[in-house]
Amino acid sequence: MSELVPEERRSAPAPSVARRDMRVSDVDRQSVVDELRVHYSLGRIDLAELEDRVTTALAARIRGELEPLLDDLPEVAPSAPTYSGPPIR
């Protein structure tokens, strides 16, 4: 599963807080929803499952509630950057 927080922004959790118990932000929840929509568009999950997982993602408070939503799905490959320079000859 892809990390929800970029490596450069990740900090070590306090020793008393397990990683799965870390609070998530709106950005974290939206990232999971966006990835679920990609899986739906590729036919990996159906509409009912998408709706259930999106509802759960939007209600999630901790990372441990988000991780299972993507555990059974492959990582989404980042899209290739598009070339915006002059025409290639």
Protein backbone atom coordinates (compact mmCIF):
# COMPACT_ATOMS: atom_id res chain seq x y z
CA MET A 1 0.00 0.00 0.00
CA SER A 2 1.27 3.46 -0.74
CA GLU A 3 2.22 5.65 2.18
CA LEU A 4 -0.29 8.31 3.04
CA VAL A 5 2.35 10.88 3.97
CA PRO A 6 5.37 11.67 1.77
CA GLU A 7 8.70 10.46 3.17
CA GLU A 8 10.13 13.96 3.61
CA ARG A 9 7.14 15.03 5.74
CA ARG A 10 6.98 11.90 7.87
CA SER A 11 8.18 12.15 11.42
CA ALA A 12 8.69 9.39 13.92
CA PRO A 13 5.58 8.77 16.02
CA ALA A 14 5.78 9.35 19.73
CA PRO A 15 6.82 6.12 21.47
CA SER A 16 3.45 5.84 23.19
CA VAL A 17 1.48 6.07 19.92
CA ALA A 18 1.50 3.15 17.48
CA ARG A 19 1.73 4.07 13.79
CA ARG A 20 -1.78 2.72 13.06
CA ASP A 21 -3.14 4.96 15.86
CA MET A 22 -1.84 8.18 14.29
CA ARG A 23 -4.54 10.73 13.47
CA VAL A 24 -5.22 11.37 9.77
CA SER A 25 -5.93 14.65 8.03
CA ASP A 26 -8.47 15.62 5.38
CA VAL A 27 -5.65 15.30 2.82
CA ASP A 28 -4.98 11.71 3.95
CA ARG A 29 -8.65 10.79 3.67
CA GLN A 30 -9.00 12.43 0.25
CA SER A 31 -5.89 10.63 -1.02
CA VAL A 32 -7.47 7.28 -0.16
CA VAL A 33 -10.78 8.30 -1.77
CA ASP A 34 -8.94 9.35 -4.96
CA GLU A 35 -7.11 6.02 -5.09
CA LEU A 36 -10.37 4.11 -4.56
CA ARG A 37 -11.91 5.99 -7.48
CA VAL A 38 -9.02 4.91 -9.70
CA HIS A 39 -9.57 1.27 -8.69
CA TYR A 40 -13.30 1.64 -9.43
CA SER A 41 -12.55 3.11 -12.87
CA LEU A 42 -10.29 0.12 -13.58
CA GLY A 43 -13.03 -2.34 -12.56
CA ARG A 44 -11.30 -3.66 -9.46
CA ILE A 45 -14.19 -2.74 -7.18
CA ASP A 46 -17.86 -2.23 -7.97
CA LEU A 47 -19.99 0.83 -7.21
CA ALA A 48 -21.42 -0.55 -3.95
CA GLU A 49 -17.94 -1.38 -2.65
CA LEU A 50 -16.64 2.04 -3.72
CA GLU A 51 -19.47 3.75 -1.84
CA ASP A 52 -18.84 1.66 1.31
CA ARG A 53 -15.09 2.30 1.25
CA VAL A 54 -15.48 6.03 0.54
CA THR A 55 -17.93 6.39 3.43
CA THR A 56 -15.48 4.60 5.73
CA ALA A 57 -12.53 6.67 4.48
CA LEU A 58 -14.30 9.97 5.03
CA ALA A 59 -15.23 8.95 8.58
CA ALA A 60 -11.74 7.67 9.47
CA ARG A 61 -9.97 9.32 12.37
CA ILE A 62 -6.81 7.19 12.54
CA ARG A 63 -4.49 5.58 9.99
CA GLY A 64 -5.56 2.10 11.10
CA GLU A 65 -9.05 2.83 9.76
CA LEU A 66 -7.72 3.85 6.33
CA GLU A 67 -5.15 1.11 5.67
CA PRO A 68 -7.60 -1.81 5.32
CA LEU A 69 -9.49 0.08 2.60
CA LEU A 70 -6.57 -0.39 0.19
CA ASP A 71 -4.93 -3.56 1.54
CA ASP A 72 -6.53 -5.89 -1.03
CA LEU A 73 -5.83 -3.59 -4.00
CA PRO A 74 -2.57 -3.16 -5.93
CA GLU A 75 -0.69 0.12 -5.74
CA VAL A 76 -1.76 2.65 -8.33
CA ALA A 77 1.15 3.47 -10.62
CA PRO A 78 1.82 7.20 -10.89
CA SER A 79 0.86 8.60 -14.26
CA ALA A 80 3.70 9.38 -16.63
CA PRO A 81 4.52 13.06 -16.90
CA THR A 82 3.40 14.62 -20.13
CA TYR A 83 5.91 16.32 -22.41
CA SER A 84 5.14 20.02 -22.76
CA GLY A 85 8.16 21.20 -24.73
CA PRO A 86 8.58 21.84 -28.44
CA PRO A 87 7.63 19.06 -30.89
CA ILE A 88 10.10 16.21 -31.06
CA ARG A 89 11.45 15.62 -34.57
